[in-house]
Amino acid sequence: MKIGLYFGSFNPVHVAHLIIANHFLNETEIEKVWIVVSPQNPFKESNLLNEYHRLELVRLATEDDVRIKASDIEFALPKPSYTSTTLAYLAEKYPEHEFCIIMGSDSFQNLHKWKNAETIINNYTIYVYLRSGFDIDNTVGAKLTILEAPLLQLSATQIRNHIKQGKSVRYMLPDKVLDEIEKGGYYKK
């Protein structure tokens, strides 16, 4: 089975993340998308909501779609999370699957800075969705599939800021995710 790995902090998961996952399932030969919640991304801020809470939000967001799975695979791996380590682990644990990576063109611009980038570039197909202001320059020679995905100008940072300010984030998040965030009092401080 061809599985697209969509890595991120998902702090919190929002509708744009889900639209992108759905788009790749509809428009490519990817059969399932695993949303891989990274406990600690070496390139991101450290003020993340607890990884188990973020994982639960992804589970709530995807529980009605059998094609998309919330993955905690990086929780048992060394921190910070490196994609190359995760890919090696998955290849060993699930040899029957073919894994590929889903990322935005903004992340692709930094791929050469990733730990063991050459291994990723040489061994995995990378599915890239275009993001405004981030052109794709494939000087690293990656095996790419590029899609224009339906994009929303929506970010987890913006959502967290709205929550802190007491503004509505309705329609930006799946209802179950919004309910859990409100119930848990997440992102208020």
Protein backbone atom coordinates (compact mmCIF):
# COMPACT_ATOMS: atom_id res chain seq x y z
CA MET A 1 0.00 0.00 0.00
CA LYS A 2 1.25 3.50 -0.82
CA ILE A 3 1.13 5.66 2.29
CA GLY A 4 1.71 9.41 2.32
CA LEU A 5 3.34 10.64 5.49
CA TYR A 6 2.23 14.15 6.39
CA PHE A 7 4.58 15.32 9.16
CA GLY A 8 4.01 18.28 11.42
CA SER A 9 3.39 19.73 14.84
CA PHE A 10 -0.35 20.09 14.16
CA ASN A 11 -0.60 22.65 16.94
CA PRO A 12 -3.58 22.40 16.38
CA VAL A 13 -4.70 20.41 13.35
CA HIS A 14 -7.05 22.57 11.25
CA VAL A 15 -9.23 22.30 8.16
CA ALA A 16 -6.44 23.30 5.75
CA HIS A 17 -4.37 20.28 6.90
CA LEU A 18 -7.33 18.00 6.26
CA ILE A 19 -8.11 19.55 2.87
CA ILE A 20 -4.51 18.92 1.78
CA ALA A 21 -4.57 15.28 2.97
CA ASN A 22 -7.87 14.71 1.17
CA HIS A 23 -6.58 16.37 -2.00
CA PHE A 24 -3.56 14.07 -2.20
CA LEU A 25 -5.79 11.03 -1.67
CA ASN A 26 -8.08 12.21 -4.47
CA GLU A 27 -5.46 13.34 -6.98
CA THR A 28 -2.55 10.88 -6.61
CA GLU A 29 -2.00 7.15 -6.24
CA ILE A 30 -1.53 7.58 -2.46
CA GLU A 31 -3.96 5.17 -0.79
CA LYS A 32 -3.74 6.37 2.80
CA VAL A 33 -2.35 9.42 4.58
CA TRP A 34 -0.78 9.09 8.00
CA ILE A 35 -0.74 12.40 9.82
CA VAL A 36 2.47 12.05 11.82
CA VAL A 37 2.34 14.22 14.93
CA SER A 38 5.90 15.29 15.74
CA PRO A 39 6.49 15.58 19.48
CA GLN A 40 9.45 17.90 18.96
CA ASN A 41 10.33 19.32 15.57
CA PRO A 42 13.96 20.53 15.42
CA PHE A 43 12.90 23.53 13.29
CA LYS A 44 9.82 24.62 15.25
CA GLU A 45 9.01 26.43 18.46
CA SER A 46 9.12 24.53 21.70
CA ASN A 47 5.91 25.98 23.18
CA LEU A 48 3.76 23.19 21.82
CA LEU A 49 0.62 21.79 23.34
CA ASN A 50 1.43 18.39 24.86
CA GLU A 51 1.95 15.83 22.07
CA TYR A 52 -0.75 13.50 23.41
CA HIS A 53 -3.30 16.32 23.32
CA ARG A 54 -2.24 17.20 19.74
CA LEU A 55 -2.49 13.53 18.74
CA GLU A 56 -5.98 13.31 20.24
CA LEU A 57 -7.03 16.40 18.27
CA VAL A 58 -5.79 14.75 15.05
CA ARG A 59 -7.62 11.54 15.98
CA LEU A 60 -10.83 13.47 16.54
CA ALA A 61 -10.39 15.32 13.24
CA THR A 62 -9.83 12.13 11.23
CA GLU A 63 -11.84 9.44 13.02
CA ASP A 64 -14.60 9.42 10.42
CA ASP A 65 -12.25 8.95 7.44
CA VAL A 66 -10.69 5.49 7.11
CA ARG A 67 -8.21 6.84 4.54
CA ILE A 68 -6.51 9.14 7.08
CA LYS A 69 -4.81 7.95 10.26
CA ALA A 70 -3.39 9.87 13.21
CA SER A 71 0.11 8.52 13.85
CA ASP A 72 2.10 8.63 17.08
CA ILE A 73 5.04 6.76 15.50
CA GLU A 74 7.53 9.47 16.54
CA PHE A 75 6.50 9.38 20.20
CA ALA A 76 8.67 6.30 20.85
CA LEU A 77 11.63 7.56 18.80
CA PRO A 78 14.46 9.82 20.03
CA LYS A 79 13.73 13.53 20.30
CA PRO A 80 13.92 15.85 18.51
CA SER A 81 12.11 14.09 15.68
CA TYR A 82 14.08 13.60 12.47
CA THR A 83 12.21 12.48 9.36
CA SER A 84 15.10 10.23 8.29
CA THR A 85 14.94 8.32 11.59
CA THR A 86 11.17 7.93 11.32
CA LEU A 87 11.39 6.73 7.71
CA ALA A 88 14.04 4.12 8.59
CA TYR A 89 11.90 2.87 11.47
CA LEU A 90 8.76 2.67 9.33
CA ALA A 91 10.56 0.86 6.49
CA GLU A 92 11.74 -1.77 8.97
CA LYS A 93 8.41 -2.09 10.80
CA TYR A 94 6.17 -2.05 7.71
CA PRO A 95 8.16 -3.51 4.78
CA GLU A 96 4.91 -4.27 2.96
CA HIS A 97 4.14 -0.54 2.52
CA GLU A 98 5.63 2.06 0.22
CA PHE A 99 6.07 5.33 2.07
CA CYS A 100 6.27 8.79 0.53
CA ILE A 101 6.32 12.27 2.03
CA ILE A 102 3.76 15.06 1.72
CA MET A 103 4.98 18.60 2.34
CA GLY A 104 4.45 22.20 1.35
CA SER A 105 6.80 24.04 -0.99
CA ASP A 106 7.92 26.12 2.01
CA SER A 107 9.22 22.99 3.76
CA PHE A 108 10.73 21.66 0.54
CA GLN A 109 12.91 24.76 0.32
CA ASN A 110 14.58 23.66 3.58
CA LEU A 111 14.88 19.95 2.78
CA HIS A 112 18.62 20.21 2.10
CA LYS A 113 19.09 21.32 5.75
CA TRP A 114 17.41 18.23 7.18
CA LYS A 115 19.39 15.50 8.92
CA ASN A 116 20.34 12.81 6.35
CA ALA A 117 18.60 14.78 3.59
CA GLU A 118 20.43 12.78 0.90
CA THR A 119 18.92 9.51 2.16
CA ILE A 120 15.43 10.99 2.02
CA ILE A 121 16.00 12.51 -1.43
CA ASN A 122 17.47 9.30 -2.88
CA ASN A 123 14.94 6.85 -1.45
CA TYR A 124 11.55 8.52 -1.22
CA THR A 125 9.11 10.27 -3.51
CA ILE A 126 8.14 13.67 -2.19
CA TYR A 127 4.69 15.05 -2.92
CA VAL A 128 4.75 18.83 -2.72
CA TYR A 129 1.80 21.20 -2.61
CA LEU A 130 2.50 24.73 -3.73
CA ARG A 131 2.31 27.48 -1.14
CA SER A 132 2.09 31.11 -2.08
CA GLY A 133 5.48 32.79 -2.16
CA PHE A 134 7.47 29.54 -2.11
CA ASP A 135 8.56 28.42 -5.55
CA ILE A 136 10.02 24.97 -6.09
CA ASP A 137 13.64 24.83 -7.11
CA ASN A 138 14.60 21.16 -7.18
CA THR A 139 18.37 21.64 -7.18
CA VAL A 140 18.69 18.63 -4.84
CA GLY A 141 17.29 16.27 -7.49
CA ALA A 142 14.42 14.86 -5.43
CA LYS A 143 11.77 12.59 -6.95
CA LEU A 144 8.91 15.08 -6.90
CA THR A 145 5.24 15.09 -7.64
CA ILE A 146 3.95 18.66 -7.47
CA LEU A 147 0.28 19.52 -6.98
CA GLU A 148 -1.61 22.72 -6.73
CA ALA A 149 -3.76 22.07 -3.71
CA PRO A 150 -6.78 24.10 -2.66
CA LEU A 151 -5.13 26.39 -0.16
CA LEU A 152 -6.54 28.49 2.62
CA GLN A 153 -4.61 31.33 4.18
CA LEU A 154 -4.90 29.64 7.54
CA SER A 155 -2.22 28.85 10.08
CA ALA A 156 -2.08 27.17 13.45
CA THR A 157 -0.34 30.28 14.82
CA GLN A 158 -3.26 32.44 13.71
CA ILE A 159 -5.71 30.00 15.30
CA ARG A 160 -3.79 29.94 18.60
CA ASN A 161 -3.68 33.74 18.65
CA HIS A 162 -7.43 33.97 18.02
CA ILE A 163 -8.09 31.56 20.89
CA LYS A 164 -5.84 33.59 23.24
CA GLN A 165 -7.69 36.76 22.25
CA GLY A 166 -11.10 35.17 22.74
CA LYS A 167 -11.97 35.39 19.05
CA SER A 168 -13.97 32.76 17.21
CA VAL A 169 -12.12 29.97 15.38
CA ARG A 170 -15.32 28.33 14.23
CA TYR A 171 -15.04 26.91 10.69
CA MET A 172 -11.22 26.91 10.96
CA LEU A 173 -11.27 23.66 12.94
CA PRO A 174 -13.39 20.53 12.71
CA ASP A 175 -16.22 20.78 15.27
CA LYS A 176 -14.88 17.86 17.35
CA VAL A 177 -11.44 19.53 17.53
CA LEU A 178 -12.94 22.87 18.55
CA ASP A 179 -15.06 21.17 21.23
CA GLU A 180 -11.99 19.39 22.67
CA ILE A 181 -9.89 22.58 22.65
CA GLU A 182 -12.65 24.45 24.49
CA LYS A 183 -13.20 21.57 26.93
CA GLY A 184 -9.47 21.35 27.69
CA GLY A 185 -8.90 25.11 27.80
CA TYR A 186 -6.05 24.71 25.29
CA TYR A 187 -4.18 27.72 23.89
CA LYS A 188 -5.84 30.21 26.27
CA LYS A 189 -2.56 31.31 27.86
